[in-house]
């Protein structure tokens, strides 16, 4: 019985804490776009990375005739 004197206030405090965190998430817009991240992962990213473009451009530059000797 004595344990209930500790457990009931702790559970009420925990419930208020969870409610406050949920309320903060709702007010800050965490649940505004629920479908966007699901569709974003399916989009194909055809643009190569900038580093890959730079290395490809350096390989495509013609060598000067002086280097062929």
C-alpha atoms as a PDB file:
ATOM      1  CA  UNK A   1       0.000   0.000   0.000  1.00  0.00           C
ATOM      2  CA  UNK A   2       2.862   2.359   0.765  1.00  0.00           C
ATOM      3  CA  UNK A   3       4.244   1.900  -2.734  1.00  0.00           C
ATOM      4  CA  UNK A   4       1.050   3.404  -4.181  1.00  0.00           C
ATOM      5  CA  UNK A   5       1.854   6.671  -2.413  1.00  0.00           C
ATOM      6  CA  UNK A   6       4.940   6.876  -4.608  1.00  0.00           C
ATOM      7  CA  UNK A   7       3.673   5.272  -7.827  1.00  0.00           C
ATOM      8  CA  UNK A   8       0.465   7.291  -8.283  1.00  0.00           C
ATOM      9  CA  UNK A   9       2.128  10.750  -8.150  1.00  0.00           C
ATOM     10  CA  UNK A  10       4.946   9.510 -10.404  1.00  0.00           C
ATOM     11  CA  UNK A  11       2.457   8.198 -12.963  1.00  0.00           C
ATOM     12  CA  UNK A  12       0.485  11.472 -12.903  1.00  0.00           C
ATOM     13  CA  UNK A  13       3.717  13.436 -13.330  1.00  0.00           C
ATOM     14  CA  UNK A  14       4.765  11.181 -16.219  1.00  0.00           C
ATOM     15  CA  UNK A  15       1.358  11.596 -17.890  1.00  0.00           C
ATOM     16  CA  UNK A  16       1.634  15.395 -17.665  1.00  0.00           C
ATOM     17  CA  UNK A  17       5.170  15.258 -19.033  1.00  0.00           C
ATOM     18  CA  UNK A  18       4.118  13.126 -22.000  1.00  0.00           C
ATOM     19  CA  UNK A  19       1.149  15.454 -22.634  1.00  0.00           C
ATOM     20  CA  UNK A  20       3.427  18.511 -22.554  1.00  0.00           C
ATOM     21  CA  UNK A  21       5.882  16.956 -25.016  1.00  0.00           C
ATOM     22  CA  UNK A  22       3.048  15.957 -27.344  1.00  0.00           C
ATOM     23  CA  UNK A  23       1.513  19.450 -27.150  1.00  0.00           C
ATOM     24  CA  UNK A  24       4.894  21.019 -27.943  1.00  0.00           C
ATOM     25  CA  UNK A  25       5.326  18.721 -30.968  1.00  0.00           C
ATOM     26  CA  UNK A  26       1.890  19.608 -32.311  1.00  0.00           C
ATOM     27  CA  UNK A  27       2.422  23.352 -31.838  1.00  0.00           C
ATOM     28  CA  UNK A  28       5.886  23.311 -33.435  1.00  0.00           C
ATOM     29  CA  UNK A  29       4.589  21.640 -36.619  1.00  0.00           C
ATOM     30  CA  UNK A  30       6.113  18.181 -36.283  1.00  0.00           C
ATOM     31  CA  UNK A  31       2.980  16.514 -37.680  1.00  0.00           C
ATOM     32  CA  UNK A  32       2.252  18.925 -40.549  1.00  0.00           C
ATOM     33  CA  UNK A  33       3.595  16.852 -43.464  1.00  0.00           C
ATOM     34  CA  UNK A  34       3.160  13.145 -42.824  1.00  0.00           C
ATOM     35  CA  UNK A  35       3.352  11.968 -46.445  1.00  0.00           C
ATOM     36  CA  UNK A  36       6.212  14.124 -47.757  1.00  0.00           C
ATOM     37  CA  UNK A  37       9.128  12.062 -46.389  1.00  0.00           C
ATOM     38  CA  UNK A  38       7.512   8.847 -47.647  1.00  0.00           C
ATOM     39  CA  UNK A  39       7.353  10.188 -51.208  1.00  0.00           C
ATOM     40  CA  UNK A  40      10.722  11.944 -51.040  1.00  0.00           C
ATOM     41  CA  UNK A  41      12.564   8.652 -50.634  1.00  0.00           C
ATOM     42  CA  UNK A  42      10.965   7.356 -53.850  1.00  0.00           C
ATOM     43  CA  UNK A  43      12.100  10.287 -55.994  1.00  0.00           C
ATOM     44  CA  UNK A  44      14.983   9.493 -58.322  1.00  0.00           C
ATOM     45  CA  UNK A  45      17.986  11.766 -57.948  1.00  0.00           C
ATOM     46  CA  UNK A  46      19.448  11.832 -61.459  1.00  0.00           C
ATOM     47  CA  UNK A  47      21.793  14.750 -60.859  1.00  0.00           C
ATOM     48  CA  UNK A  48      25.313  13.498 -60.137  1.00  0.00           C
ATOM     49  CA  UNK A  49      27.144  14.846 -57.167  1.00  0.00           C
ATOM     50  CA  UNK A  50      29.274  17.954 -57.593  1.00  0.00           C
ATOM     51  CA  UNK A  51      32.501  16.094 -56.747  1.00  0.00           C
ATOM     52  CA  UNK A  52      31.806  13.502 -59.441  1.00  0.00           C
ATOM     53  CA  UNK A  53      31.188  16.258 -62.003  1.00  0.00           C
ATOM     54  CA  UNK A  54      34.468  17.982 -61.121  1.00  0.00           C
ATOM     55  CA  UNK A  55      36.500  14.787 -61.463  1.00  0.00           C
ATOM     56  CA  UNK A  56      34.794  13.945 -64.769  1.00  0.00           C
ATOM     57  CA  UNK A  57      35.549  17.412 -66.145  1.00  0.00           C
ATOM     58  CA  UNK A  58      39.221  17.158 -65.244  1.00  0.00           C
ATOM     59  CA  UNK A  59      39.472  13.810 -67.008  1.00  0.00           C
ATOM     60  CA  UNK A  60      37.841  15.178 -70.186  1.00  0.00           C
ATOM     61  CA  UNK A  61      40.286  18.056 -70.670  1.00  0.00           C
ATOM     62  CA  UNK A  62      42.596  17.365 -73.622  1.00  0.00           C
ATOM     63  CA  UNK A  63      46.280  17.087 -72.962  1.00  0.00           C
ATOM     64  CA  UNK A  64      48.506  19.691 -74.511  1.00  0.00           C
ATOM     65  CA  UNK A  65      50.695  18.562 -77.472  1.00  0.00           C
ATOM     66  CA  UNK A  66      53.818  19.236 -75.428  1.00  0.00           C
ATOM     67  CA  UNK A  67      52.858  16.435 -73.019  1.00  0.00           C
ATOM     68  CA  UNK A  68      52.779  13.818 -75.808  1.00  0.00           C
ATOM     69  CA  UNK A  69      56.536  13.929 -76.490  1.00  0.00           C
END
